[in-house]
Amino acid sequence: MSYFTVDDADATTERVKGLGGSVWFDPFDVFEEGRMAVVADSTGATFALWQPKRGIGAEVFGEPGALAWNELYTHDVEAATRFYGGLFGWKANAAATPDGGEYTVFDLEGQPASGMMSIREEWGEIPANWSIYLAVEDLEEALKLVEAKGGKVINQPMQIEGVGTFSFIQDPLGAYLSVMELESAG
């Protein structure tokens, strides 16, 4: 699940409702570490809000073994753009993908915050969802390990110029995510 840091979990949960989202779990304390809520955006994608107290959350980003990216897959890009712009102040920057699709990078204060793309018909019946990318040192070795541990490699590695090479995988319990060898890591 993707978690997004907020200053006030209670107030942000109320904004989720006002923007047409829904609340799965009202804000609650996680010991002394922080306060969180589990919510869904106006297109149905579930995510968590995290208000840090003692625990900021992930302190490492974009290094092998850590989170490298959060990405939203949705059936309604326009509604999601309005929702996240209203909730977090994210600005949407759309660009064409090499295969003719469209990809949106959400920026916050001029920095990339996450990505979004429309769920394609050929993917089948997939609900709106957030997915994570984990950074790996060596993508080829990571994919061998995925299969050796009972997971599945969903697609052959794909390169994103200026970013890195990634593959979608499924773990042995059925969860989907991506592993990525960042250009700076390789």
C-alpha atoms as a PDB file:
ATOM      1  CA  MET A   1       0.000   0.000   0.000  1.00  0.00           C
ATOM      2  CA  SER A   2       1.160   3.500  -0.743  1.00  0.00           C
ATOM      3  CA  TYR A   3       1.380   5.829   2.252  1.00  0.00           C
ATOM      4  CA  PHE A   4       1.443   9.606   1.924  1.00  0.00           C
ATOM      5  CA  THR A   5       2.685  11.876   4.712  1.00  0.00           C
ATOM      6  CA  VAL A   6       0.281  14.562   5.906  1.00  0.00           C
ATOM      7  CA  ASP A   7       0.377  17.174   8.653  1.00  0.00           C
ATOM      8  CA  ASP A   8      -3.018  16.205  10.075  1.00  0.00           C
ATOM      9  CA  ALA A   9      -4.562  12.785   9.375  1.00  0.00           C
ATOM     10  CA  ASP A  10      -7.969  13.801  10.742  1.00  0.00           C
ATOM     11  CA  ALA A  11      -8.281  16.975   8.656  1.00  0.00           C
ATOM     12  CA  THR A  12      -6.947  15.237   5.529  1.00  0.00           C
ATOM     13  CA  THR A  13      -9.451  12.399   5.977  1.00  0.00           C
ATOM     14  CA  GLU A  14     -12.241  14.980   6.022  1.00  0.00           C
ATOM     15  CA  ARG A  15     -10.846  16.507   2.804  1.00  0.00           C
ATOM     16  CA  VAL A  16     -10.869  13.012   1.219  1.00  0.00           C
ATOM     17  CA  LYS A  17     -14.624  12.835   1.891  1.00  0.00           C
ATOM     18  CA  GLY A  18     -15.187  16.353   0.553  1.00  0.00           C
ATOM     19  CA  LEU A  19     -13.383  15.481  -2.680  1.00  0.00           C
ATOM     20  CA  GLY A  20     -15.571  12.419  -3.317  1.00  0.00           C
ATOM     21  CA  GLY A  21     -13.275   9.793  -1.803  1.00  0.00           C
ATOM     22  CA  SER A  22     -14.182   7.269   0.859  1.00  0.00           C
ATOM     23  CA  VAL A  23     -12.801   6.228   4.226  1.00  0.00           C
ATOM     24  CA  TRP A  24     -12.005   2.582   4.923  1.00  0.00           C
ATOM     25  CA  PHE A  25     -10.481   3.126   8.366  1.00  0.00           C
ATOM     26  CA  ASP A  26     -10.895   6.379  10.274  1.00  0.00           C
ATOM     27  CA  PRO A  27      -7.713   7.942  11.670  1.00  0.00           C
ATOM     28  CA  PHE A  28      -6.126   5.945  14.477  1.00  0.00           C
ATOM     29  CA  ASP A  29      -2.895   6.081  16.452  1.00  0.00           C
ATOM     30  CA  VAL A  30      -0.127   3.609  15.693  1.00  0.00           C
ATOM     31  CA  PHE A  31       1.421   3.487  19.152  1.00  0.00           C
ATOM     32  CA  GLU A  32       3.600   6.588  19.504  1.00  0.00           C
ATOM     33  CA  GLU A  33       4.904   6.353  15.923  1.00  0.00           C
ATOM     34  CA  GLY A  34       2.163   8.225  14.103  1.00  0.00           C
ATOM     35  CA  ARG A  35      -1.479   8.501  13.184  1.00  0.00           C
ATOM     36  CA  MET A  36      -2.932   6.974  10.046  1.00  0.00           C
ATOM     37  CA  ALA A  37      -6.109   6.465   8.057  1.00  0.00           C
ATOM     38  CA  VAL A  38      -6.885   4.179   5.126  1.00  0.00           C
ATOM     39  CA  VAL A  39      -8.870   5.915   2.408  1.00  0.00           C
ATOM     40  CA  ALA A  40      -9.779   5.624  -1.267  1.00  0.00           C
ATOM     41  CA  ASP A  41      -9.749   8.333  -3.910  1.00  0.00           C
ATOM     42  CA  SER A  42     -12.769   9.292  -5.997  1.00  0.00           C
ATOM     43  CA  THR A  43     -11.889   6.565  -8.551  1.00  0.00           C
ATOM     44  CA  GLY A  44     -11.629   3.806  -5.909  1.00  0.00           C
ATOM     45  CA  ALA A  45      -7.843   3.502  -5.468  1.00  0.00           C
ATOM     46  CA  THR A  46      -6.936   2.770  -1.832  1.00  0.00           C
ATOM     47  CA  PHE A  47      -4.015   4.418  -0.024  1.00  0.00           C
ATOM     48  CA  ALA A  48      -2.987   5.426   3.480  1.00  0.00           C
ATOM     49  CA  LEU A  49      -2.461   8.790   5.102  1.00  0.00           C
ATOM     50  CA  TRP A  50       0.431   8.981   7.579  1.00  0.00           C
ATOM     51  CA  GLN A  51       0.816  11.735  10.165  1.00  0.00           C
ATOM     52  CA  PRO A  52       4.255  11.178  11.698  1.00  0.00           C
ATOM     53  CA  LYS A  53       4.914  11.471  15.398  1.00  0.00           C
ATOM     54  CA  ARG A  54       8.037   9.545  16.450  1.00  0.00           C
ATOM     55  CA  GLY A  55       8.216   7.640  13.146  1.00  0.00           C
ATOM     56  CA  ILE A  56       8.515   9.678   9.963  1.00  0.00           C
ATOM     57  CA  GLY A  57       8.041   6.546   7.839  1.00  0.00           C
ATOM     58  CA  ALA A  58      10.417   5.654   5.053  1.00  0.00           C
ATOM     59  CA  GLU A  59      13.656   7.573   5.447  1.00  0.00           C
ATOM     60  CA  VAL A  60      15.411   6.017   2.442  1.00  0.00           C
ATOM     61  CA  PHE A  61      14.135   6.480  -1.100  1.00  0.00           C
ATOM     62  CA  GLY A  62      15.493   5.425  -4.476  1.00  0.00           C
ATOM     63  CA  GLU A  63      18.278   3.198  -3.164  1.00  0.00           C
ATOM     64  CA  PRO A  64      18.445  -0.580  -3.675  1.00  0.00           C
ATOM     65  CA  GLY A  65      16.056  -2.254  -1.236  1.00  0.00           C
ATOM     66  CA  ALA A  66      13.926   0.870  -0.759  1.00  0.00           C
ATOM     67  CA  LEU A  67      10.863   2.439  -2.315  1.00  0.00           C
ATOM     68  CA  ALA A  68      11.638   4.112  -5.645  1.00  0.00           C
ATOM     69  CA  TRP A  69       8.210   5.292  -6.879  1.00  0.00           C
ATOM     70  CA  ASN A  70       4.437   5.227  -6.284  1.00  0.00           C
ATOM     71  CA  GLU A  71       2.144   4.917  -9.286  1.00  0.00           C
ATOM     72  CA  LEU A  72      -1.621   5.189  -9.649  1.00  0.00           C
ATOM     73  CA  TYR A  73      -3.535   3.104 -12.196  1.00  0.00           C
ATOM     74  CA  THR A  74      -7.057   4.437 -12.728  1.00  0.00           C
ATOM     75  CA  HIS A  75     -10.037   4.320 -15.080  1.00  0.00           C
ATOM     76  CA  ASP A  76     -10.582   8.096 -14.773  1.00  0.00           C
ATOM     77  CA  VAL A  77      -7.405  10.183 -15.097  1.00  0.00           C
ATOM     78  CA  GLU A  78      -9.312  13.490 -15.046  1.00  0.00           C
ATOM     79  CA  ALA A  79     -11.152  12.677 -11.798  1.00  0.00           C
ATOM     80  CA  ALA A  80      -7.943  11.440 -10.158  1.00  0.00           C
ATOM     81  CA  THR A  81      -6.112  14.594 -11.258  1.00  0.00           C
ATOM     82  CA  ARG A  82      -8.789  16.766  -9.598  1.00  0.00           C
ATOM     83  CA  PHE A  83      -8.813  14.611  -6.462  1.00  0.00           C
ATOM     84  CA  TYR A  84      -5.040  14.609  -5.801  1.00  0.00           C
ATOM     85  CA  GLY A  85      -4.686  18.250  -6.807  1.00  0.00           C
ATOM     86  CA  GLY A  86      -7.345  19.122  -4.245  1.00  0.00           C
ATOM     87  CA  LEU A  87      -6.044  16.786  -1.562  1.00  0.00           C
ATOM     88  CA  PHE A  88      -2.280  17.268  -1.744  1.00  0.00           C
ATOM     89  CA  GLY A  89      -1.806  20.230  -4.100  1.00  0.00           C
ATOM     90  CA  TRP A  90      -0.199  17.982  -6.707  1.00  0.00           C
ATOM     91  CA  LYS A  91       0.177  19.463 -10.191  1.00  0.00           C
ATOM     92  CA  ALA A  92      -0.380  17.061 -13.101  1.00  0.00           C
ATOM     93  CA  ASN A  93       2.095  17.021 -15.993  1.00  0.00           C
ATOM     94  CA  ALA A  94       0.998  14.725 -18.803  1.00  0.00           C
ATOM     95  CA  ALA A  95       3.347  13.284 -21.407  1.00  0.00           C
ATOM     96  CA  ALA A  96       3.109  10.719 -24.195  1.00  0.00           C
ATOM     97  CA  THR A  97       4.611   7.271 -23.612  1.00  0.00           C
ATOM     98  CA  PRO A  98       6.725   5.564 -26.304  1.00  0.00           C
ATOM     99  CA  ASP A  99       3.814   3.235 -27.149  1.00  0.00           C
ATOM    100  CA  GLY A 100       1.352   6.093 -27.698  1.00  0.00           C
ATOM    101  CA  GLY A 101      -0.242   6.077 -24.256  1.00  0.00           C
ATOM    102  CA  GLU A 102      -0.299   8.922 -21.776  1.00  0.00           C
ATOM    103  CA  TYR A 103       1.578   9.145 -18.494  1.00  0.00           C
ATOM    104  CA  THR A 104       1.117  11.787 -15.818  1.00  0.00           C
ATOM    105  CA  VAL A 105       3.731  12.844 -13.304  1.00  0.00           C
ATOM    106  CA  PHE A 106       2.311  14.551 -10.222  1.00  0.00           C
ATOM    107  CA  ASP A 107       4.595  17.309  -8.968  1.00  0.00           C
ATOM    108  CA  LEU A 108       4.571  18.892  -5.538  1.00  0.00           C
ATOM    109  CA  GLU A 109       6.447  22.180  -5.254  1.00  0.00           C
ATOM    110  CA  GLY A 110       8.314  21.404  -8.485  1.00  0.00           C
ATOM    111  CA  GLN A 111       9.444  17.920  -7.415  1.00  0.00           C
ATOM    112  CA  PRO A 112       8.039  14.621  -8.770  1.00  0.00           C
ATOM    113  CA  ALA A 113       5.674  13.145  -6.154  1.00  0.00           C
ATOM    114  CA  SER A 114       4.215  10.124  -7.987  1.00  0.00           C
ATOM    115  CA  GLY A 115       2.944   8.925 -11.352  1.00  0.00           C
ATOM    116  CA  MET A 116      -0.392   7.996 -12.901  1.00  0.00           C
ATOM    117  CA  MET A 117      -1.658   6.210 -15.967  1.00  0.00           C
ATOM    118  CA  SER A 118      -4.974   5.018 -17.299  1.00  0.00           C
ATOM    119  CA  ILE A 119      -5.789   1.329 -16.963  1.00  0.00           C
ATOM    120  CA  ARG A 120      -5.704  -0.102 -20.461  1.00  0.00           C
ATOM    121  CA  GLU A 121      -8.405  -2.367 -21.828  1.00  0.00           C
ATOM    122  CA  GLU A 122      -5.899  -5.130 -22.651  1.00  0.00           C
ATOM    123  CA  TRP A 123      -5.004  -5.392 -18.936  1.00  0.00           C
ATOM    124  CA  GLY A 124      -8.428  -6.879 -18.224  1.00  0.00           C
ATOM    125  CA  GLU A 125     -10.658  -6.243 -15.231  1.00  0.00           C
ATOM    126  CA  ILE A 126      -8.411  -4.269 -12.888  1.00  0.00           C
ATOM    127  CA  PRO A 127      -9.741  -1.909 -10.222  1.00  0.00           C
ATOM    128  CA  ALA A 128      -8.115   1.476  -9.679  1.00  0.00           C
ATOM    129  CA  ASN A 129      -5.056   0.964  -7.475  1.00  0.00           C
ATOM    130  CA  TRP A 130      -1.760   2.343  -6.241  1.00  0.00           C
ATOM    131  CA  SER A 131       1.359   0.295  -6.923  1.00  0.00           C
ATOM    132  CA  ILE A 132       4.906   0.616  -5.682  1.00  0.00           C
ATOM    133  CA  TYR A 133       8.293   0.320  -7.359  1.00  0.00           C
ATOM    134  CA  LEU A 134      11.146  -1.067  -5.281  1.00  0.00           C
ATOM    135  CA  ALA A 135      14.708  -0.207  -6.268  1.00  0.00           C
ATOM    136  CA  VAL A 136      17.110  -3.098  -6.886  1.00  0.00           C
ATOM    137  CA  GLU A 137      20.813  -3.093  -7.585  1.00  0.00           C
ATOM    138  CA  ASP A 138      20.633  -5.610 -10.462  1.00  0.00           C
ATOM    139  CA  LEU A 139      17.270  -6.141 -12.177  1.00  0.00           C
ATOM    140  CA  GLU A 140      18.291  -9.373 -13.925  1.00  0.00           C
ATOM    141  CA  GLU A 141      19.374 -10.950 -10.623  1.00  0.00           C
ATOM    142  CA  ALA A 142      16.264  -9.658  -8.847  1.00  0.00           C
ATOM    143  CA  LEU A 143      13.983 -11.290 -11.445  1.00  0.00           C
ATOM    144  CA  LYS A 144      15.803 -14.604 -11.046  1.00  0.00           C
ATOM    145  CA  LEU A 145      15.259 -14.359  -7.288  1.00  0.00           C
ATOM    146  CA  VAL A 146      11.554 -13.543  -7.753  1.00  0.00           C
ATOM    147  CA  GLU A 147      11.061 -16.758  -9.722  1.00  0.00           C
ATOM    148  CA  ALA A 148      13.271 -18.826  -7.382  1.00  0.00           C
ATOM    149  CA  LYS A 149      11.130 -17.700  -4.419  1.00  0.00           C
ATOM    150  CA  GLY A 150       7.827 -18.635  -6.115  1.00  0.00           C
ATOM    151  CA  GLY A 151       6.895 -15.275  -7.619  1.00  0.00           C
ATOM    152  CA  LYS A 152       6.151 -14.451 -11.250  1.00  0.00           C
ATOM    153  CA  VAL A 153       7.740 -12.032 -13.671  1.00  0.00           C
ATOM    154  CA  ILE A 154       4.809 -10.405 -15.463  1.00  0.00           C
ATOM    155  CA  ASN A 155       6.726  -8.676 -18.254  1.00  0.00           C
ATOM    156  CA  GLN A 156      10.200  -8.491 -19.672  1.00  0.00           C
ATOM    157  CA  PRO A 157      12.284  -5.530 -18.498  1.00  0.00           C
ATOM    158  CA  MET A 158      11.271  -2.167 -19.945  1.00  0.00           C
ATOM    159  CA  GLN A 159      13.542   0.847 -20.039  1.00  0.00           C
ATOM    160  CA  ILE A 160      12.480   4.403 -19.267  1.00  0.00           C
ATOM    161  CA  GLU A 161      15.071   6.777 -20.656  1.00  0.00           C
ATOM    162  CA  GLY A 162      16.678   8.862 -17.953  1.00  0.00           C
ATOM    163  CA  VAL A 163      15.107   6.771 -15.159  1.00  0.00           C
ATOM    164  CA  GLY A 164      15.988   3.084 -15.343  1.00  0.00           C
ATOM    165  CA  THR A 165      14.743  -0.384 -16.257  1.00  0.00           C
ATOM    166  CA  PHE A 166      11.830  -2.135 -14.547  1.00  0.00           C
ATOM    167  CA  SER A 167       9.570  -5.179 -14.572  1.00  0.00           C
ATOM    168  CA  PHE A 168       6.173  -5.841 -13.061  1.00  0.00           C
ATOM    169  CA  ILE A 169       6.187  -8.859 -10.771  1.00  0.00           C
ATOM    170  CA  GLN A 170       3.747 -10.813  -8.639  1.00  0.00           C
ATOM    171  CA  ASP A 171       4.830 -12.161  -5.284  1.00  0.00           C
ATOM    172  CA  PRO A 172       3.919 -15.710  -4.137  1.00  0.00           C
ATOM    173  CA  LEU A 173       0.845 -14.355  -2.294  1.00  0.00           C
ATOM    174  CA  GLY A 174      -0.510 -12.619  -5.401  1.00  0.00           C
ATOM    175  CA  ALA A 175       0.488  -9.002  -4.761  1.00  0.00           C
ATOM    176  CA  TYR A 176       1.669  -7.023  -7.781  1.00  0.00           C
ATOM    177  CA  LEU A 177       4.501  -4.497  -7.710  1.00  0.00           C
ATOM    178  CA  SER A 178       7.453  -3.410  -9.793  1.00  0.00           C
ATOM    179  CA  VAL A 179      11.180  -3.748  -9.294  1.00  0.00           C
ATOM    180  CA  MET A 180      13.445  -1.172 -10.886  1.00  0.00           C
ATOM    181  CA  GLU A 181      17.142  -0.789 -11.501  1.00  0.00           C
ATOM    182  CA  LEU A 182      17.616   2.959 -11.475  1.00  0.00           C
ATOM    183  CA  GLU A 183      20.150   4.426 -13.860  1.00  0.00           C
ATOM    184  CA  SER A 184      22.012   5.981 -10.940  1.00  0.00           C
ATOM    185  CA  ALA A 185      22.116   2.570  -9.170  1.00  0.00           C
ATOM    186  CA  GLY A 186      23.496   0.655 -12.121  1.00  0.00           C
END
